[in-house]
């Protein structure tokens, strides 16, 4: 039999201990229960994404962390020049193009900029290697190739979603997944009852929407908002882009229309993952035609 967690063995003992102490009539039932639990544990671990069978993907946080470190290093290097009144372009991030900009700084600030430049030069190849590692690992998982067919989702974004979500069956509906990603709407209200002119208490008409939930995974939110941005800027003929334009014509603000697009992409990816299928744009086309 496979090893059991101590908590599970304690629960089985608390449930079956008094019965076994009272007599040996129910011993076969207890043994059968023990065997069923042994057979179900691997299934539960795989289904819920817990235990030893939960696969860890360290490539996604490594790549994301290096990207963030690279951006911060670029901002620190640029701030040194701006603090001395030197307006620079993107050439300052290149080791060869950085020489002419360093000559415009005083010796103390030049030395600081040289140190920050060396830090940036070390981070750029590491970031490229981490992205290559992430893509190589993504190619070994068939589900990532299927999810990458979703609009705006490439291999890197898909690998990040799979590494963080781990198992789509953790979320029964798309609304639960929206809340996990940070797309769930928070509704709270206070002072619901006010006193009218006649002295009676009546419910007041207050706005209960308080924006999006802050209990979220920021990387997932960034991934799906980035996918929505890709659809808006690079896929003008896609049905989702037409839905976005239709929302703008209806008077919806661009940020709210983009949020709606990101929620649609998140729900689509979750459904594709659960059903193990590739993206079908005709489904969105049918909805757009009905609208």
C-alpha atoms as a PDB file:
ATOM      1  CA  UNK A   1       0.000   0.000   0.000  1.00  0.00           C
ATOM      2  CA  UNK A   2       1.146   3.575  -0.626  1.00  0.00           C
ATOM      3  CA  UNK A   3       2.167   5.681   2.371  1.00  0.00           C
ATOM      4  CA  UNK A   4      -0.628   7.607   4.050  1.00  0.00           C
ATOM      5  CA  UNK A   5      -0.507  11.166   5.396  1.00  0.00           C
ATOM      6  CA  UNK A   6      -0.692  11.270   9.207  1.00  0.00           C
ATOM      7  CA  UNK A   7      -3.860  13.375   9.103  1.00  0.00           C
ATOM      8  CA  UNK A   8      -5.661  10.778   6.980  1.00  0.00           C
ATOM      9  CA  UNK A   9      -4.608   7.932   9.263  1.00  0.00           C
ATOM     10  CA  UNK A  10      -5.805   9.911  12.284  1.00  0.00           C
ATOM     11  CA  UNK A  11      -9.183  10.540  10.616  1.00  0.00           C
ATOM     12  CA  UNK A  12      -9.591   6.850   9.767  1.00  0.00           C
ATOM     13  CA  UNK A  13      -8.712   5.885  13.327  1.00  0.00           C
ATOM     14  CA  UNK A  14     -11.196   8.357  14.823  1.00  0.00           C
ATOM     15  CA  UNK A  15     -13.941   7.103  12.529  1.00  0.00           C
ATOM     16  CA  UNK A  16     -13.316   3.385  12.824  1.00  0.00           C
ATOM     17  CA  UNK A  17     -11.570   3.104  16.186  1.00  0.00           C
ATOM     18  CA  UNK A  18     -14.714   2.819  18.358  1.00  0.00           C
ATOM     19  CA  UNK A  19     -16.221   0.329  15.935  1.00  0.00           C
ATOM     20  CA  UNK A  20     -13.181  -1.911  16.013  1.00  0.00           C
ATOM     21  CA  UNK A  21     -13.025  -1.709  19.794  1.00  0.00           C
ATOM     22  CA  UNK A  22     -16.673  -2.746  20.107  1.00  0.00           C
ATOM     23  CA  UNK A  23     -16.143  -5.934  18.157  1.00  0.00           C
ATOM     24  CA  UNK A  24     -14.656  -7.554  15.129  1.00  0.00           C
ATOM     25  CA  UNK A  25     -17.894  -7.791  13.153  1.00  0.00           C
ATOM     26  CA  UNK A  26     -17.157  -4.660  11.086  1.00  0.00           C
ATOM     27  CA  UNK A  27     -13.502  -5.438  10.480  1.00  0.00           C
ATOM     28  CA  UNK A  28     -14.060  -6.373   6.803  1.00  0.00           C
ATOM     29  CA  UNK A  29     -15.836  -3.058   6.252  1.00  0.00           C
ATOM     30  CA  UNK A  30     -12.952  -1.163   7.799  1.00  0.00           C
ATOM     31  CA  UNK A  31     -10.443  -3.060   5.653  1.00  0.00           C
ATOM     32  CA  UNK A  32     -12.522  -2.365   2.533  1.00  0.00           C
ATOM     33  CA  UNK A  33     -12.698   1.318   3.426  1.00  0.00           C
ATOM     34  CA  UNK A  34      -8.937   1.383   3.906  1.00  0.00           C
ATOM     35  CA  UNK A  35      -8.398  -0.195   0.496  1.00  0.00           C
ATOM     36  CA  UNK A  36     -10.790   2.214  -1.240  1.00  0.00           C
ATOM     37  CA  UNK A  37      -8.971   5.181   0.273  1.00  0.00           C
ATOM     38  CA  UNK A  38      -5.655   3.735  -0.920  1.00  0.00           C
ATOM     39  CA  UNK A  39      -6.997   3.490  -4.458  1.00  0.00           C
ATOM     40  CA  UNK A  40      -8.559   6.974  -4.435  1.00  0.00           C
ATOM     41  CA  UNK A  41      -5.566   8.899  -3.118  1.00  0.00           C
ATOM     42  CA  UNK A  42      -3.636   8.949  -6.432  1.00  0.00           C
ATOM     43  CA  UNK A  43      -6.802   9.961  -8.272  1.00  0.00           C
ATOM     44  CA  UNK A  44      -7.478  12.778  -5.813  1.00  0.00           C
ATOM     45  CA  UNK A  45      -3.901  14.006  -6.030  1.00  0.00           C
ATOM     46  CA  UNK A  46      -4.034  14.107  -9.825  1.00  0.00           C
ATOM     47  CA  UNK A  47      -7.547  15.562  -9.926  1.00  0.00           C
ATOM     48  CA  UNK A  48      -7.002  18.327  -7.406  1.00  0.00           C
ATOM     49  CA  UNK A  49      -3.375  18.989  -8.201  1.00  0.00           C
ATOM     50  CA  UNK A  50      -2.082  18.273  -4.695  1.00  0.00           C
ATOM     51  CA  UNK A  51       0.428  15.955  -3.125  1.00  0.00           C
ATOM     52  CA  UNK A  52       3.395  14.312  -4.760  1.00  0.00           C
ATOM     53  CA  UNK A  53       1.696  14.111  -8.154  1.00  0.00           C
ATOM     54  CA  UNK A  54       1.377  17.872  -8.465  1.00  0.00           C
ATOM     55  CA  UNK A  55       3.993  18.842 -11.019  1.00  0.00           C
ATOM     56  CA  UNK A  56       6.065  21.883 -10.303  1.00  0.00           C
ATOM     57  CA  UNK A  57       7.167  24.171 -13.126  1.00  0.00           C
ATOM     58  CA  UNK A  58       9.988  26.421 -11.880  1.00  0.00           C
ATOM     59  CA  UNK A  59      10.629  27.781 -15.377  1.00  0.00           C
ATOM     60  CA  UNK A  60       7.687  30.217 -15.312  1.00  0.00           C
ATOM     61  CA  UNK A  61       8.581  32.122 -12.111  1.00  0.00           C
ATOM     62  CA  UNK A  62      12.250  32.120 -13.118  1.00  0.00           C
ATOM     63  CA  UNK A  63      11.536  33.698 -16.491  1.00  0.00           C
ATOM     64  CA  UNK A  64       9.062  36.183 -15.025  1.00  0.00           C
ATOM     65  CA  UNK A  65      11.452  37.178 -12.255  1.00  0.00           C
ATOM     66  CA  UNK A  66      14.304  37.777 -14.675  1.00  0.00           C
ATOM     67  CA  UNK A  67      12.072  39.869 -16.921  1.00  0.00           C
ATOM     68  CA  UNK A  68      11.118  42.021 -13.947  1.00  0.00           C
ATOM     69  CA  UNK A  69      14.734  42.356 -12.842  1.00  0.00           C
ATOM     70  CA  UNK A  70      15.723  43.406 -16.347  1.00  0.00           C
ATOM     71  CA  UNK A  71      13.038  46.087 -16.481  1.00  0.00           C
ATOM     72  CA  UNK A  72      14.064  47.438 -13.091  1.00  0.00           C
ATOM     73  CA  UNK A  73      17.714  47.513 -14.144  1.00  0.00           C
ATOM     74  CA  UNK A  74      16.793  49.466 -17.271  1.00  0.00           C
ATOM     75  CA  UNK A  75      14.768  51.947 -15.226  1.00  0.00           C
ATOM     76  CA  UNK A  76      17.636  52.445 -12.755  1.00  0.00           C
ATOM     77  CA  UNK A  77      20.125  53.036 -15.557  1.00  0.00           C
ATOM     78  CA  UNK A  78      17.853  55.511 -17.293  1.00  0.00           C
ATOM     79  CA  UNK A  79      17.139  57.382 -14.052  1.00  0.00           C
ATOM     80  CA  UNK A  80      20.860  58.136 -13.600  1.00  0.00           C
ATOM     81  CA  UNK A  81      20.945  60.014 -16.905  1.00  0.00           C
ATOM     82  CA  UNK A  82      17.632  61.775 -16.297  1.00  0.00           C
ATOM     83  CA  UNK A  83      18.802  62.949 -12.865  1.00  0.00           C
ATOM     84  CA  UNK A  84      21.624  64.848 -14.605  1.00  0.00           C
ATOM     85  CA  UNK A  85      19.347  66.305 -17.282  1.00  0.00           C
ATOM     86  CA  UNK A  86      20.492  63.956 -20.068  1.00  0.00           C
ATOM     87  CA  UNK A  87      17.646  62.689 -22.252  1.00  0.00           C
ATOM     88  CA  UNK A  88      18.611  59.276 -23.632  1.00  0.00           C
ATOM     89  CA  UNK A  89      17.075  56.863 -26.124  1.00  0.00           C
ATOM     90  CA  UNK A  90      16.999  53.080 -26.291  1.00  0.00           C
ATOM     91  CA  UNK A  91      20.631  53.011 -27.384  1.00  0.00           C
ATOM     92  CA  UNK A  92      21.689  53.425 -23.762  1.00  0.00           C
ATOM     93  CA  UNK A  93      20.668  49.819 -23.113  1.00  0.00           C
ATOM     94  CA  UNK A  94      23.163  48.579 -25.711  1.00  0.00           C
ATOM     95  CA  UNK A  95      26.778  48.248 -24.497  1.00  0.00           C
ATOM     96  CA  UNK A  96      28.148  49.783 -27.715  1.00  0.00           C
ATOM     97  CA  UNK A  97      25.661  52.637 -27.854  1.00  0.00           C
ATOM     98  CA  UNK A  98      26.112  53.430 -24.160  1.00  0.00           C
ATOM     99  CA  UNK A  99      29.637  54.841 -24.570  1.00  0.00           C
ATOM    100  CA  UNK A 100      28.607  58.183 -26.078  1.00  0.00           C
ATOM    101  CA  UNK A 101      26.003  58.721 -23.357  1.00  0.00           C
ATOM    102  CA  UNK A 102      28.445  57.976 -20.555  1.00  0.00           C
ATOM    103  CA  UNK A 103      30.693  60.768 -21.775  1.00  0.00           C
ATOM    104  CA  UNK A 104      27.985  63.302 -20.930  1.00  0.00           C
ATOM    105  CA  UNK A 105      27.983  62.425 -17.219  1.00  0.00           C
ATOM    106  CA  UNK A 106      30.216  63.610 -14.433  1.00  0.00           C
ATOM    107  CA  UNK A 107      32.797  61.079 -13.153  1.00  0.00           C
ATOM    108  CA  UNK A 108      30.799  59.958 -10.070  1.00  0.00           C
ATOM    109  CA  UNK A 109      27.580  59.450 -12.021  1.00  0.00           C
ATOM    110  CA  UNK A 110      29.500  57.919 -14.923  1.00  0.00           C
ATOM    111  CA  UNK A 111      30.869  55.261 -12.622  1.00  0.00           C
ATOM    112  CA  UNK A 112      27.387  54.513 -11.269  1.00  0.00           C
ATOM    113  CA  UNK A 113      25.962  54.264 -14.794  1.00  0.00           C
ATOM    114  CA  UNK A 114      28.787  51.924 -15.828  1.00  0.00           C
ATOM    115  CA  UNK A 115      28.033  49.643 -12.865  1.00  0.00           C
ATOM    116  CA  UNK A 116      24.295  49.604 -13.644  1.00  0.00           C
ATOM    117  CA  UNK A 117      25.092  48.958 -17.300  1.00  0.00           C
ATOM    118  CA  UNK A 118      27.196  45.921 -16.418  1.00  0.00           C
ATOM    119  CA  UNK A 119      24.337  44.643 -14.278  1.00  0.00           C
ATOM    120  CA  UNK A 120      21.939  45.025 -17.206  1.00  0.00           C
ATOM    121  CA  UNK A 121      24.374  43.313 -19.574  1.00  0.00           C
ATOM    122  CA  UNK A 122      24.470  40.300 -17.260  1.00  0.00           C
ATOM    123  CA  UNK A 123      20.693  40.074 -16.928  1.00  0.00           C
ATOM    124  CA  UNK A 124      19.853  40.194 -20.649  1.00  0.00           C
ATOM    125  CA  UNK A 125      21.461  36.816 -21.584  1.00  0.00           C
ATOM    126  CA  UNK A 126      20.047  35.216 -18.443  1.00  0.00           C
ATOM    127  CA  UNK A 127      16.574  36.398 -19.397  1.00  0.00           C
ATOM    128  CA  UNK A 128      16.972  34.985 -22.903  1.00  0.00           C
ATOM    129  CA  UNK A 129      18.158  31.649 -21.502  1.00  0.00           C
ATOM    130  CA  UNK A 130      15.217  31.510 -19.082  1.00  0.00           C
ATOM    131  CA  UNK A 131      12.734  32.164 -21.899  1.00  0.00           C
ATOM    132  CA  UNK A 132      14.399  29.462 -24.001  1.00  0.00           C
ATOM    133  CA  UNK A 133      14.193  27.050 -21.062  1.00  0.00           C
ATOM    134  CA  UNK A 134      10.516  27.891 -20.598  1.00  0.00           C
ATOM    135  CA  UNK A 135       9.712  27.307 -24.267  1.00  0.00           C
ATOM    136  CA  UNK A 136      11.612  24.003 -24.327  1.00  0.00           C
ATOM    137  CA  UNK A 137       9.695  22.776 -21.294  1.00  0.00           C
ATOM    138  CA  UNK A 138       6.406  23.969 -22.805  1.00  0.00           C
ATOM    139  CA  UNK A 139       6.960  21.832 -25.896  1.00  0.00           C
ATOM    140  CA  UNK A 140       6.938  18.669 -23.761  1.00  0.00           C
ATOM    141  CA  UNK A 141       3.328  19.254 -22.606  1.00  0.00           C
ATOM    142  CA  UNK A 142       0.632  18.630 -25.258  1.00  0.00           C
ATOM    143  CA  UNK A 143      -1.922  20.776 -23.432  1.00  0.00           C
ATOM    144  CA  UNK A 144       0.274  23.856 -23.833  1.00  0.00           C
ATOM    145  CA  UNK A 145       0.285  23.419 -27.603  1.00  0.00           C
ATOM    146  CA  UNK A 146      -3.508  23.304 -27.547  1.00  0.00           C
ATOM    147  CA  UNK A 147      -3.962  26.303 -25.276  1.00  0.00           C
ATOM    148  CA  UNK A 148      -1.486  28.325 -27.339  1.00  0.00           C
ATOM    149  CA  UNK A 149      -4.066  28.402 -30.145  1.00  0.00           C
ATOM    150  CA  UNK A 150      -6.257  30.737 -28.082  1.00  0.00           C
ATOM    151  CA  UNK A 151      -6.267  34.379 -29.262  1.00  0.00           C
ATOM    152  CA  UNK A 152      -3.390  36.389 -27.856  1.00  0.00           C
ATOM    153  CA  UNK A 153      -1.904  33.388 -26.059  1.00  0.00           C
ATOM    154  CA  UNK A 154       1.578  32.373 -27.143  1.00  0.00           C
ATOM    155  CA  UNK A 155       3.815  29.626 -25.769  1.00  0.00           C
ATOM    156  CA  UNK A 156       5.222  31.786 -22.967  1.00  0.00           C
ATOM    157  CA  UNK A 157       1.855  33.055 -21.708  1.00  0.00           C
ATOM    158  CA  UNK A 158       0.339  29.599 -21.990  1.00  0.00           C
ATOM    159  CA  UNK A 159       3.217  28.041 -20.051  1.00  0.00           C
ATOM    160  CA  UNK A 160       2.760  30.623 -17.304  1.00  0.00           C
ATOM    161  CA  UNK A 161      -0.973  29.877 -17.087  1.00  0.00           C
ATOM    162  CA  UNK A 162      -0.402  26.117 -16.898  1.00  0.00           C
ATOM    163  CA  UNK A 163       2.362  26.475 -14.296  1.00  0.00           C
ATOM    164  CA  UNK A 164       0.258  28.690 -12.025  1.00  0.00           C
ATOM    165  CA  UNK A 165      -3.186  27.141 -12.461  1.00  0.00           C
ATOM    166  CA  UNK A 166      -1.820  23.557 -12.246  1.00  0.00           C
ATOM    167  CA  UNK A 167      -5.235  21.951 -12.738  1.00  0.00           C
ATOM    168  CA  UNK A 168      -8.372  23.421 -14.352  1.00  0.00           C
ATOM    169  CA  UNK A 169     -10.714  21.228 -12.303  1.00  0.00           C
ATOM    170  CA  UNK A 170      -9.896  23.292  -9.229  1.00  0.00           C
ATOM    171  CA  UNK A 171     -12.427  25.779 -10.618  1.00  0.00           C
ATOM    172  CA  UNK A 172     -15.956  24.536 -11.118  1.00  0.00           C
ATOM    173  CA  UNK A 173     -17.107  27.593 -13.068  1.00  0.00           C
ATOM    174  CA  UNK A 174     -15.472  30.421 -14.944  1.00  0.00           C
ATOM    175  CA  UNK A 175     -16.476  32.935 -12.266  1.00  0.00           C
ATOM    176  CA  UNK A 176     -14.295  31.155  -9.726  1.00  0.00           C
ATOM    177  CA  UNK A 177     -11.417  31.344 -12.175  1.00  0.00           C
ATOM    178  CA  UNK A 178     -12.109  35.034 -12.765  1.00  0.00           C
ATOM    179  CA  UNK A 179     -11.838  35.691  -9.047  1.00  0.00           C
ATOM    180  CA  UNK A 180      -8.564  33.768  -8.918  1.00  0.00           C
ATOM    181  CA  UNK A 181      -7.167  35.807 -11.819  1.00  0.00           C
ATOM    182  CA  UNK A 182      -8.361  39.115 -10.384  1.00  0.00           C
ATOM    183  CA  UNK A 183     -11.291  39.678 -12.741  1.00  0.00           C
ATOM    184  CA  UNK A 184     -14.011  39.117 -10.143  1.00  0.00           C
ATOM    185  CA  UNK A 185     -16.191  42.114  -9.332  1.00  0.00           C
ATOM    186  CA  UNK A 186     -16.435  43.159  -5.693  1.00  0.00           C
ATOM    187  CA  UNK A 187     -19.865  44.315  -4.517  1.00  0.00           C
ATOM    188  CA  UNK A 188     -20.122  45.946  -1.114  1.00  0.00           C
ATOM    189  CA  UNK A 189     -22.535  48.479   0.285  1.00  0.00           C
ATOM    190  CA  UNK A 190     -23.167  50.458   3.441  1.00  0.00           C
ATOM    191  CA  UNK A 191     -25.929  52.803   4.626  1.00  0.00           C
ATOM    192  CA  UNK A 192     -28.467  50.670   2.791  1.00  0.00           C
ATOM    193  CA  UNK A 193     -31.394  52.066   4.793  1.00  0.00           C
ATOM    194  CA  UNK A 194     -32.270  55.761   5.046  1.00  0.00           C
ATOM    195  CA  UNK A 195     -35.139  57.545   6.739  1.00  0.00           C
ATOM    196  CA  UNK A 196     -37.654  59.104   4.374  1.00  0.00           C
ATOM    197  CA  UNK A 197     -39.708  62.274   4.718  1.00  0.00           C
ATOM    198  CA  UNK A 198     -42.555  60.388   6.386  1.00  0.00           C
ATOM    199  CA  UNK A 199     -40.196  58.898   8.969  1.00  0.00           C
ATOM    200  CA  UNK A 200     -40.192  55.418   7.498  1.00  0.00           C
ATOM    201  CA  UNK A 201     -37.018  53.522   6.769  1.00  0.00           C
ATOM    202  CA  UNK A 202     -36.541  52.594   3.141  1.00  0.00           C
ATOM    203  CA  UNK A 203     -33.725  51.030   1.156  1.00  0.00           C
ATOM    204  CA  UNK A 204     -31.540  53.569  -0.605  1.00  0.00           C
ATOM    205  CA  UNK A 205     -30.298  53.218  -4.147  1.00  0.00           C
ATOM    206  CA  UNK A 206     -26.528  52.942  -3.687  1.00  0.00           C
ATOM    207  CA  UNK A 207     -23.841  51.708  -6.060  1.00  0.00           C
ATOM    208  CA  UNK A 208     -22.657  48.364  -4.746  1.00  0.00           C
ATOM    209  CA  UNK A 209     -19.863  47.781  -7.271  1.00  0.00           C
ATOM    210  CA  UNK A 210     -16.453  48.475  -5.786  1.00  0.00           C
ATOM    211  CA  UNK A 211     -14.190  47.478  -8.665  1.00  0.00           C
ATOM    212  CA  UNK A 212     -12.216  44.265  -9.059  1.00  0.00           C
ATOM    213  CA  UNK A 213     -11.078  41.985  -6.279  1.00  0.00           C
ATOM    214  CA  UNK A 214      -7.584  42.550  -4.929  1.00  0.00           C
ATOM    215  CA  UNK A 215      -7.295  38.915  -3.794  1.00  0.00           C
ATOM    216  CA  UNK A 216      -5.773  37.724  -7.040  1.00  0.00           C
ATOM    217  CA  UNK A 217      -2.766  36.249  -8.749  1.00  0.00           C
ATOM    218  CA  UNK A 218      -1.096  39.257 -10.402  1.00  0.00           C
ATOM    219  CA  UNK A 219       0.781  37.230 -13.020  1.00  0.00           C
ATOM    220  CA  UNK A 220      -2.377  35.550 -14.320  1.00  0.00           C
ATOM    221  CA  UNK A 221      -4.100  38.916 -14.509  1.00  0.00           C
ATOM    222  CA  UNK A 222      -1.172  40.343 -16.459  1.00  0.00           C
ATOM    223  CA  UNK A 223      -1.161  37.347 -18.825  1.00  0.00           C
ATOM    224  CA  UNK A 224      -4.823  37.605 -19.803  1.00  0.00           C
ATOM    225  CA  UNK A 225      -4.774  41.400 -20.016  1.00  0.00           C
ATOM    226  CA  UNK A 226      -1.718  41.092 -22.240  1.00  0.00           C
ATOM    227  CA  UNK A 227      -3.607  38.612 -24.426  1.00  0.00           C
ATOM    228  CA  UNK A 228      -6.490  41.083 -24.672  1.00  0.00           C
ATOM    229  CA  UNK A 229      -4.043  43.818 -25.666  1.00  0.00           C
ATOM    230  CA  UNK A 230      -2.628  41.560 -28.385  1.00  0.00           C
ATOM    231  CA  UNK A 231      -6.109  40.941 -29.781  1.00  0.00           C
ATOM    232  CA  UNK A 232      -6.894  44.658 -29.780  1.00  0.00           C
ATOM    233  CA  UNK A 233      -3.653  45.816 -31.392  1.00  0.00           C
ATOM    234  CA  UNK A 234      -2.593  42.929 -33.634  1.00  0.00           C
ATOM    235  CA  UNK A 235      -5.711  40.926 -34.592  1.00  0.00           C
ATOM    236  CA  UNK A 236      -8.113  43.363 -36.278  1.00  0.00           C
ATOM    237  CA  UNK A 237     -10.012  40.620 -38.149  1.00  0.00           C
ATOM    238  CA  UNK A 238     -10.615  38.390 -35.125  1.00  0.00           C
ATOM    239  CA  UNK A 239     -14.203  38.034 -33.826  1.00  0.00           C
ATOM    240  CA  UNK A 240     -13.089  39.143 -30.362  1.00  0.00           C
ATOM    241  CA  UNK A 241     -11.704  42.357 -31.835  1.00  0.00           C
ATOM    242  CA  UNK A 242     -15.066  42.985 -33.486  1.00  0.00           C
ATOM    243  CA  UNK A 243     -16.740  42.459 -30.130  1.00  0.00           C
ATOM    244  CA  UNK A 244     -14.358  45.026 -28.657  1.00  0.00           C
ATOM    245  CA  UNK A 245     -15.255  47.571 -31.339  1.00  0.00           C
ATOM    246  CA  UNK A 246     -18.940  46.852 -30.820  1.00  0.00           C
ATOM    247  CA  UNK A 247     -18.585  47.596 -27.099  1.00  0.00           C
ATOM    248  CA  UNK A 248     -16.846  50.893 -27.843  1.00  0.00           C
ATOM    249  CA  UNK A 249     -19.645  51.908 -30.200  1.00  0.00           C
ATOM    250  CA  UNK A 250     -22.163  51.066 -27.465  1.00  0.00           C
ATOM    251  CA  UNK A 251     -20.502  53.617 -25.186  1.00  0.00           C
ATOM    252  CA  UNK A 252     -18.466  51.300 -22.952  1.00  0.00           C
ATOM    253  CA  UNK A 253     -15.168  52.739 -21.762  1.00  0.00           C
ATOM    254  CA  UNK A 254     -12.052  51.257 -23.420  1.00  0.00           C
ATOM    255  CA  UNK A 255     -10.641  49.943 -20.125  1.00  0.00           C
ATOM    256  CA  UNK A 256     -13.894  48.154 -19.298  1.00  0.00           C
ATOM    257  CA  UNK A 257     -14.146  46.739 -22.816  1.00  0.00           C
ATOM    258  CA  UNK A 258     -10.583  45.449 -22.508  1.00  0.00           C
ATOM    259  CA  UNK A 259     -11.471  43.870 -19.155  1.00  0.00           C
ATOM    260  CA  UNK A 260     -14.445  42.116 -20.749  1.00  0.00           C
ATOM    261  CA  UNK A 261     -12.154  40.827 -23.481  1.00  0.00           C
ATOM    262  CA  UNK A 262      -9.665  39.502 -20.926  1.00  0.00           C
ATOM    263  CA  UNK A 263     -12.468  37.734 -19.034  1.00  0.00           C
ATOM    264  CA  UNK A 264     -13.607  36.073 -22.277  1.00  0.00           C
ATOM    265  CA  UNK A 265     -10.101  34.858 -23.049  1.00  0.00           C
ATOM    266  CA  UNK A 266      -9.666  33.491 -19.512  1.00  0.00           C
ATOM    267  CA  UNK A 267     -12.981  31.628 -19.717  1.00  0.00           C
ATOM    268  CA  UNK A 268     -12.062  30.285 -23.156  1.00  0.00           C
ATOM    269  CA  UNK A 269      -8.685  28.989 -21.974  1.00  0.00           C
ATOM    270  CA  UNK A 270     -10.282  27.310 -18.949  1.00  0.00           C
ATOM    271  CA  UNK A 271     -12.900  25.591 -21.131  1.00  0.00           C
ATOM    272  CA  UNK A 272     -10.281  24.480 -23.674  1.00  0.00           C
ATOM    273  CA  UNK A 273      -8.176  23.021 -20.887  1.00  0.00           C
ATOM    274  CA  UNK A 274     -11.054  21.119 -19.321  1.00  0.00           C
ATOM    275  CA  UNK A 275     -12.218  19.648 -22.630  1.00  0.00           C
ATOM    276  CA  UNK A 276      -8.669  19.098 -24.020  1.00  0.00           C
ATOM    277  CA  UNK A 277      -9.468  20.854 -27.284  1.00  0.00           C
ATOM    278  CA  UNK A 278      -7.960  23.518 -29.512  1.00  0.00           C
ATOM    279  CA  UNK A 279      -9.433  26.953 -30.060  1.00  0.00           C
ATOM    280  CA  UNK A 280     -12.402  27.207 -32.421  1.00  0.00           C
ATOM    281  CA  UNK A 281     -12.972  30.791 -33.658  1.00  0.00           C
ATOM    282  CA  UNK A 282     -16.307  29.848 -35.228  1.00  0.00           C
ATOM    283  CA  UNK A 283     -17.898  29.771 -31.781  1.00  0.00           C
ATOM    284  CA  UNK A 284     -17.144  33.447 -31.262  1.00  0.00           C
ATOM    285  CA  UNK A 285     -18.205  34.123 -34.840  1.00  0.00           C
ATOM    286  CA  UNK A 286     -21.617  32.561 -34.177  1.00  0.00           C
ATOM    287  CA  UNK A 287     -22.128  34.675 -31.067  1.00  0.00           C
ATOM    288  CA  UNK A 288     -21.091  37.847 -32.927  1.00  0.00           C
ATOM    289  CA  UNK A 289     -23.493  37.130 -35.782  1.00  0.00           C
ATOM    290  CA  UNK A 290     -26.397  36.672 -33.356  1.00  0.00           C
ATOM    291  CA  UNK A 291     -25.539  39.920 -31.636  1.00  0.00           C
END
